[in-house]
Amino acid sequence: MNLKSKHKIDPGFSMSSMTDIIFLLLVFFMLTSNFITPSGLPVNLPSSKTSTIVMQRVSVTITPDLRYFINERRVAKDLLEVELARELEGKEGVVVLHVDKSVPVEHLVHVAGIATTLKAKVSIATKPGN
């Protein structure tokens, strides 16, 4: 008389469902996180009532002491067009300007003009205001 069962239970644990859950959580958090990369440079941004999120490709920062930075790398004002063209090469043409509110508008217009001649879209970074 054979009393052994024909159906054996596998004592192993399958991690495939756990990895699926972790992957879905990772995708969820990536999609719901901020798309704005904050600038690490000390700039007091102007405030606005409406603010839209723009996917930042190239960031140009002008500090209160009129120093220019492209993606947190210092650039001389006369080399700004060359460096900006190099940064925009092969990327979607979106330039986000982080300009301190004490900087005269002529410097903002200068950088925006360079970006426009390079066929890039220009967006001005602001902080949410009243």
N, C-alpha and C. Protein backbone atom coordinates (compact mmCIF):
# COMPACT_ATOMS: atom_id res chain seq x y z
N MET A 1 0.84 -1.16 0.00
CA MET A 1 0.00 0.00 0.00
C MET A 1 0.90 1.25 0.00
N ASN A 2 0.69 2.11 -0.98
CA ASN A 2 1.50 3.32 -1.16
C ASN A 2 0.76 4.52 -0.56
N LEU A 3 1.29 5.08 0.55
CA LEU A 3 0.64 6.21 1.23
C LEU A 3 1.25 7.56 0.88
N LYS A 4 2.22 7.61 0.04
CA LYS A 4 2.86 8.87 -0.32
C LYS A 4 1.96 9.68 -1.25
N SER A 5 1.94 10.97 -1.03
CA SER A 5 1.12 11.87 -1.84
C SER A 5 1.79 12.13 -3.18
N LYS A 6 0.99 12.27 -4.19
CA LYS A 6 1.53 12.56 -5.51
C LYS A 6 1.83 14.04 -5.68
N HIS A 7 1.24 14.89 -4.86
CA HIS A 7 1.43 16.34 -4.97
C HIS A 7 2.37 16.81 -3.87
N LYS A 8 3.56 17.18 -4.26
CA LYS A 8 4.52 17.67 -3.27
C LYS A 8 4.44 19.19 -3.18
N ILE A 9 4.54 19.73 -1.99
CA ILE A 9 4.52 21.17 -1.76
C ILE A 9 5.96 21.67 -1.79
N ASP A 10 6.18 22.68 -2.60
CA ASP A 10 7.52 23.25 -2.72
C ASP A 10 7.75 24.21 -1.56
N PRO A 11 8.76 23.96 -0.73
CA PRO A 11 9.00 24.83 0.43
C PRO A 11 9.69 26.15 0.04
N GLY A 12 10.08 26.33 -1.21
CA GLY A 12 10.75 27.56 -1.65
C GLY A 12 9.80 28.74 -1.71
N PHE A 13 10.35 29.94 -1.60
CA PHE A 13 9.56 31.17 -1.62
C PHE A 13 9.88 31.93 -2.90
N SER A 14 8.87 32.28 -3.66
CA SER A 14 9.07 33.00 -4.91
C SER A 14 9.05 34.51 -4.65
N MET A 15 10.11 35.17 -5.05
CA MET A 15 10.22 36.62 -4.85
C MET A 15 9.69 37.43 -6.03
N SER A 16 9.18 36.79 -7.05
CA SER A 16 8.76 37.51 -8.25
C SER A 16 7.61 38.47 -7.97
N SER A 17 6.65 38.09 -7.15
CA SER A 17 5.55 39.01 -6.85
C SER A 17 6.04 40.18 -5.99
N MET A 18 6.99 39.95 -5.11
CA MET A 18 7.53 41.03 -4.28
C MET A 18 8.30 42.03 -5.14
N THR A 19 9.07 41.55 -6.11
CA THR A 19 9.80 42.47 -6.97
C THR A 19 8.84 43.26 -7.85
N ASP A 20 7.73 42.67 -8.25
CA ASP A 20 6.72 43.41 -9.02
C ASP A 20 6.15 44.57 -8.20
N ILE A 21 5.87 44.31 -6.94
CA ILE A 21 5.33 45.36 -6.08
C ILE A 21 6.35 46.47 -5.87
N ILE A 22 7.60 46.10 -5.64
CA ILE A 22 8.66 47.11 -5.44
C ILE A 22 8.84 47.94 -6.71
N PHE A 23 8.80 47.29 -7.85
CA PHE A 23 8.94 48.01 -9.12
C PHE A 23 7.79 49.00 -9.32
N LEU A 24 6.57 48.59 -9.02
CA LEU A 24 5.41 49.48 -9.15
C LEU A 24 5.51 50.67 -8.19
N LEU A 25 5.99 50.42 -6.97
CA LEU A 25 6.19 51.52 -6.02
C LEU A 25 7.26 52.49 -6.52
N LEU A 26 8.32 51.96 -7.09
CA LEU A 26 9.38 52.80 -7.63
C LEU A 26 8.85 53.69 -8.75
N VAL A 27 8.09 53.11 -9.66
CA VAL A 27 7.51 53.88 -10.76
C VAL A 27 6.55 54.95 -10.22
N PHE A 28 5.74 54.59 -9.24
CA PHE A 28 4.80 55.54 -8.65
C PHE A 28 5.54 56.74 -8.05
N PHE A 29 6.57 56.49 -7.27
CA PHE A 29 7.29 57.59 -6.62
C PHE A 29 8.07 58.42 -7.63
N MET A 30 8.55 57.80 -8.70
CA MET A 30 9.25 58.57 -9.72
C MET A 30 8.29 59.50 -10.46
N LEU A 31 7.08 59.04 -10.71
CA LEU A 31 6.12 59.85 -11.44
C LEU A 31 5.51 60.95 -10.58
N THR A 32 5.42 60.75 -9.30
CA THR A 32 4.79 61.75 -8.44
C THR A 32 5.79 62.69 -7.79
N SER A 33 7.06 62.49 -8.01
CA SER A 33 8.06 63.39 -7.43
C SER A 33 8.14 64.68 -8.24
N ASN A 34 8.81 65.67 -7.70
CA ASN A 34 8.99 66.95 -8.39
C ASN A 34 9.87 66.78 -9.61
N PHE A 35 9.50 67.47 -10.68
CA PHE A 35 10.33 67.45 -11.87
C PHE A 35 11.31 68.62 -11.88
N ILE A 36 11.27 69.46 -10.88
CA ILE A 36 12.15 70.61 -10.82
C ILE A 36 13.40 70.22 -10.05
N THR A 37 14.54 70.49 -10.66
CA THR A 37 15.78 70.28 -9.93
C THR A 37 16.17 71.61 -9.31
N PRO A 38 16.20 71.68 -8.00
CA PRO A 38 16.49 72.97 -7.37
C PRO A 38 17.92 73.41 -7.62
N SER A 39 18.07 74.68 -7.81
CA SER A 39 19.39 75.25 -8.00
C SER A 39 20.06 75.39 -6.66
N GLY A 40 21.29 74.95 -6.56
CA GLY A 40 22.02 75.03 -5.30
C GLY A 40 22.68 76.38 -5.09
N LEU A 41 22.49 77.31 -6.00
CA LEU A 41 23.12 78.61 -5.89
C LEU A 41 22.20 79.57 -5.13
N PRO A 42 22.79 80.47 -4.34
CA PRO A 42 21.96 81.37 -3.52
C PRO A 42 21.35 82.50 -4.35
N VAL A 43 20.13 82.28 -4.80
CA VAL A 43 19.42 83.26 -5.61
C VAL A 43 18.05 83.49 -5.00
N ASN A 44 17.69 84.73 -4.80
CA ASN A 44 16.38 85.09 -4.27
C ASN A 44 15.44 85.31 -5.46
N LEU A 45 14.66 84.28 -5.78
CA LEU A 45 13.80 84.33 -6.97
C LEU A 45 12.61 85.24 -6.74
N PRO A 46 12.13 85.89 -7.79
CA PRO A 46 10.90 86.68 -7.66
C PRO A 46 9.71 85.74 -7.48
N SER A 47 8.63 86.27 -6.93
CA SER A 47 7.44 85.44 -6.72
C SER A 47 6.39 85.76 -7.77
N SER A 48 5.53 84.77 -8.02
CA SER A 48 4.44 84.96 -8.97
C SER A 48 3.23 84.19 -8.46
N LYS A 49 2.04 84.59 -8.95
CA LYS A 49 0.82 83.92 -8.51
C LYS A 49 0.69 82.54 -9.13
N THR A 50 1.04 82.43 -10.39
CA THR A 50 0.97 81.13 -11.05
C THR A 50 2.36 80.67 -11.39
N SER A 51 2.56 79.41 -11.22
CA SER A 51 3.87 78.85 -11.52
C SER A 51 3.65 77.48 -12.14
N THR A 52 4.27 77.26 -13.29
CA THR A 52 4.14 75.97 -13.96
C THR A 52 5.46 75.22 -13.84
N ILE A 53 5.36 73.91 -13.86
CA ILE A 53 6.55 73.08 -13.76
C ILE A 53 7.06 72.81 -15.17
N VAL A 54 8.32 73.14 -15.38
CA VAL A 54 8.96 72.93 -16.67
C VAL A 54 10.08 71.93 -16.47
N MET A 55 10.16 70.96 -17.38
CA MET A 55 11.24 70.00 -17.31
C MET A 55 12.54 70.72 -17.63
N GLN A 56 13.42 70.77 -16.68
CA GLN A 56 14.61 71.60 -16.79
C GLN A 56 15.73 70.83 -17.49
N ARG A 57 16.21 71.36 -18.59
CA ARG A 57 17.33 70.75 -19.31
C ARG A 57 18.61 71.54 -19.05
N VAL A 58 18.52 72.84 -19.26
CA VAL A 58 19.67 73.71 -19.06
C VAL A 58 19.24 74.84 -18.14
N SER A 59 20.01 75.06 -17.10
CA SER A 59 19.70 76.09 -16.13
C SER A 59 20.76 77.19 -16.22
N VAL A 60 20.31 78.43 -16.34
CA VAL A 60 21.22 79.58 -16.32
C VAL A 60 20.87 80.40 -15.09
N THR A 61 21.85 80.62 -14.23
CA THR A 61 21.66 81.36 -12.99
C THR A 61 22.47 82.64 -13.03
N ILE A 62 21.83 83.74 -12.62
CA ILE A 62 22.53 85.02 -12.47
C ILE A 62 22.39 85.42 -11.01
N THR A 63 23.52 85.52 -10.33
CA THR A 63 23.53 85.85 -8.91
C THR A 63 23.47 87.37 -8.72
N PRO A 64 23.21 87.83 -7.49
CA PRO A 64 23.13 89.29 -7.26
C PRO A 64 24.42 90.04 -7.61
N ASP A 65 25.56 89.38 -7.52
CA ASP A 65 26.82 90.05 -7.87
C ASP A 65 27.18 89.83 -9.35
N LEU A 66 26.16 89.51 -10.16
CA LEU A 66 26.24 89.38 -11.63
C LEU A 66 27.25 88.32 -12.08
N ARG A 67 27.26 87.19 -11.40
CA ARG A 67 28.04 86.05 -11.87
C ARG A 67 27.07 85.12 -12.60
N TYR A 68 27.54 84.55 -13.70
CA TYR A 68 26.71 83.69 -14.54
C TYR A 68 27.11 82.23 -14.34
N PHE A 69 26.10 81.37 -14.24
CA PHE A 69 26.33 79.93 -14.08
C PHE A 69 25.43 79.19 -15.06
N ILE A 70 25.99 78.17 -15.70
CA ILE A 70 25.21 77.27 -16.53
C ILE A 70 25.28 75.90 -15.86
N ASN A 71 24.12 75.42 -15.42
CA ASN A 71 24.04 74.16 -14.67
C ASN A 71 25.05 74.13 -13.52
N GLU A 72 25.08 75.20 -12.74
CA GLU A 72 25.93 75.37 -11.55
C GLU A 72 27.41 75.38 -11.86
N ARG A 73 27.78 75.66 -13.12
CA ARG A 73 29.18 75.80 -13.52
C ARG A 73 29.39 77.25 -13.94
N ARG A 74 30.34 77.92 -13.29
CA ARG A 74 30.54 79.34 -13.55
C ARG A 74 31.06 79.57 -14.97
N VAL A 75 30.48 80.60 -15.62
CA VAL A 75 30.82 80.93 -17.00
C VAL A 75 30.99 82.44 -17.08
N ALA A 76 31.99 82.88 -17.83
CA ALA A 76 32.18 84.31 -18.06
C ALA A 76 31.07 84.82 -18.98
N LYS A 77 30.70 86.10 -18.81
CA LYS A 77 29.60 86.67 -19.59
C LYS A 77 29.88 86.64 -21.09
N ASP A 78 31.12 86.88 -21.49
CA ASP A 78 31.44 86.90 -22.92
C ASP A 78 31.48 85.49 -23.53
N LEU A 79 31.61 84.44 -22.70
CA LEU A 79 31.60 83.07 -23.21
C LEU A 79 30.24 82.39 -23.04
N LEU A 80 29.24 83.15 -22.62
CA LEU A 80 27.93 82.59 -22.32
C LEU A 80 27.28 81.95 -23.54
N GLU A 81 27.35 82.60 -24.69
CA GLU A 81 26.71 82.07 -25.90
C GLU A 81 27.36 80.76 -26.35
N VAL A 82 28.68 80.69 -26.30
CA VAL A 82 29.39 79.48 -26.73
C VAL A 82 29.07 78.32 -25.79
N GLU A 83 29.11 78.58 -24.49
CA GLU A 83 28.85 77.52 -23.51
C GLU A 83 27.39 77.06 -23.54
N LEU A 84 26.48 78.01 -23.73
CA LEU A 84 25.06 77.66 -23.80
C LEU A 84 24.77 76.83 -25.05
N ALA A 85 25.41 77.17 -26.16
CA ALA A 85 25.24 76.38 -27.39
C ALA A 85 25.77 74.97 -27.20
N ARG A 86 26.86 74.84 -26.47
CA ARG A 86 27.43 73.51 -26.21
C ARG A 86 26.51 72.69 -25.30
N GLU A 87 25.90 73.33 -24.31
CA GLU A 87 24.99 72.62 -23.40
C GLU A 87 23.69 72.21 -24.10
N LEU A 88 23.22 73.03 -25.04
CA LEU A 88 21.96 72.74 -25.72
C LEU A 88 22.12 71.75 -26.86
N GLU A 89 23.34 71.44 -27.22
CA GLU A 89 23.60 70.55 -28.34
C GLU A 89 23.05 69.15 -28.06
N GLY A 90 22.13 68.71 -28.89
CA GLY A 90 21.56 67.38 -28.77
C GLY A 90 20.49 67.24 -27.71
N LYS A 91 20.09 68.33 -27.08
CA LYS A 91 19.05 68.28 -26.05
C LYS A 91 17.85 69.09 -26.51
N GLU A 92 16.74 68.85 -25.83
CA GLU A 92 15.55 69.65 -26.08
C GLU A 92 15.86 71.08 -25.65
N GLY A 93 15.52 72.04 -26.46
CA GLY A 93 15.89 73.41 -26.21
C GLY A 93 15.03 74.12 -25.19
N VAL A 94 15.23 73.82 -23.91
CA VAL A 94 14.53 74.51 -22.84
C VAL A 94 15.57 75.08 -21.89
N VAL A 95 15.56 76.40 -21.73
CA VAL A 95 16.49 77.07 -20.82
C VAL A 95 15.67 77.70 -19.71
N VAL A 96 15.99 77.33 -18.46
CA VAL A 96 15.31 77.90 -17.31
C VAL A 96 16.24 78.92 -16.67
N LEU A 97 15.74 80.16 -16.55
CA LEU A 97 16.54 81.24 -15.99
C LEU A 97 16.25 81.39 -14.50
N HIS A 98 17.27 81.27 -13.68
CA HIS A 98 17.17 81.53 -12.24
C HIS A 98 17.89 82.86 -12.00
N VAL A 99 17.11 83.92 -11.98
CA VAL A 99 17.68 85.26 -11.88
C VAL A 99 17.25 85.86 -10.55
N ASP A 100 18.21 86.37 -9.79
CA ASP A 100 17.90 87.03 -8.53
C ASP A 100 17.05 88.26 -8.83
N LYS A 101 16.09 88.54 -7.94
CA LYS A 101 15.18 89.66 -8.21
C LYS A 101 15.85 91.02 -8.12
N SER A 102 17.07 91.09 -7.58
CA SER A 102 17.77 92.37 -7.52
C SER A 102 18.62 92.63 -8.77
N VAL A 103 18.72 91.65 -9.65
CA VAL A 103 19.51 91.80 -10.88
C VAL A 103 18.72 92.65 -11.87
N PRO A 104 19.38 93.65 -12.50
CA PRO A 104 18.68 94.46 -13.51
C PRO A 104 18.17 93.61 -14.67
N VAL A 105 17.06 94.03 -15.23
CA VAL A 105 16.38 93.26 -16.27
C VAL A 105 17.25 93.12 -17.52
N GLU A 106 18.14 94.03 -17.78
CA GLU A 106 18.96 93.97 -18.99
C GLU A 106 19.80 92.69 -19.04
N HIS A 107 20.21 92.16 -17.89
CA HIS A 107 20.99 90.92 -17.86
C HIS A 107 20.10 89.72 -18.20
N LEU A 108 18.88 89.73 -17.71
CA LEU A 108 17.92 88.68 -18.04
C LEU A 108 17.62 88.70 -19.54
N VAL A 109 17.41 89.87 -20.09
CA VAL A 109 17.10 90.00 -21.51
C VAL A 109 18.29 89.56 -22.36
N HIS A 110 19.49 89.83 -21.89
CA HIS A 110 20.70 89.42 -22.61
C HIS A 110 20.76 87.90 -22.74
N VAL A 111 20.54 87.20 -21.63
CA VAL A 111 20.59 85.73 -21.64
C VAL A 111 19.42 85.16 -22.43
N ALA A 112 18.22 85.75 -22.28
CA ALA A 112 17.06 85.27 -23.02
C ALA A 112 17.27 85.47 -24.52
N GLY A 113 17.91 86.56 -24.92
CA GLY A 113 18.20 86.79 -26.34
C GLY A 113 19.16 85.76 -26.89
N ILE A 114 20.17 85.40 -26.11
CA ILE A 114 21.11 84.36 -26.55
C ILE A 114 20.39 83.03 -26.72
N ALA A 115 19.55 82.68 -25.74
CA ALA A 115 18.82 81.41 -25.82
C ALA A 115 17.86 81.40 -27.01
N THR A 116 17.24 82.54 -27.29
CA THR A 116 16.30 82.61 -28.42
C THR A 116 17.04 82.46 -29.74
N THR A 117 18.22 83.06 -29.86
CA THR A 117 18.98 82.89 -31.11
C THR A 117 19.44 81.45 -31.29
N LEU A 118 19.55 80.71 -30.20
CA LEU A 118 19.92 79.30 -30.29
C LEU A 118 18.70 78.40 -30.44
N LYS A 119 17.54 79.00 -30.73
CA LYS A 119 16.27 78.29 -30.96
C LYS A 119 15.83 77.50 -29.72
N ALA A 120 16.02 78.07 -28.55
CA ALA A 120 15.60 77.41 -27.31
C ALA A 120 14.42 78.16 -26.70
N LYS A 121 13.57 77.41 -26.01
CA LYS A 121 12.48 78.03 -25.27
C LYS A 121 13.04 78.57 -23.96
N VAL A 122 12.53 79.70 -23.53
CA VAL A 122 13.04 80.34 -22.31
C VAL A 122 11.93 80.37 -21.28
N SER A 123 12.28 79.98 -20.06
CA SER A 123 11.35 80.00 -18.95
C SER A 123 12.06 80.66 -17.77
N ILE A 124 11.32 81.48 -17.02
CA ILE A 124 11.89 82.17 -15.87
C ILE A 124 11.40 81.46 -14.60
N ALA A 125 12.35 81.06 -13.78
CA ALA A 125 12.02 80.38 -12.53
C ALA A 125 11.52 81.39 -11.52
N THR A 126 10.42 81.05 -10.84
CA THR A 126 9.88 81.91 -9.78
C THR A 126 9.52 81.03 -8.60
N LYS A 127 9.30 81.68 -7.46
CA LYS A 127 8.81 80.93 -6.31
C LYS A 127 7.34 81.26 -6.14
N PRO A 128 6.57 80.34 -5.62
CA PRO A 128 5.13 80.60 -5.45
C PRO A 128 4.91 81.77 -4.51
N GLY A 129 4.03 82.66 -4.88
CA GLY A 129 3.76 83.84 -4.06
C GLY A 129 2.31 83.95 -3.70
N ASN A 130 1.94 85.11 -3.18
CA ASN A 130 0.56 85.35 -2.73
C ASN A 130 -0.35 85.58 -3.89
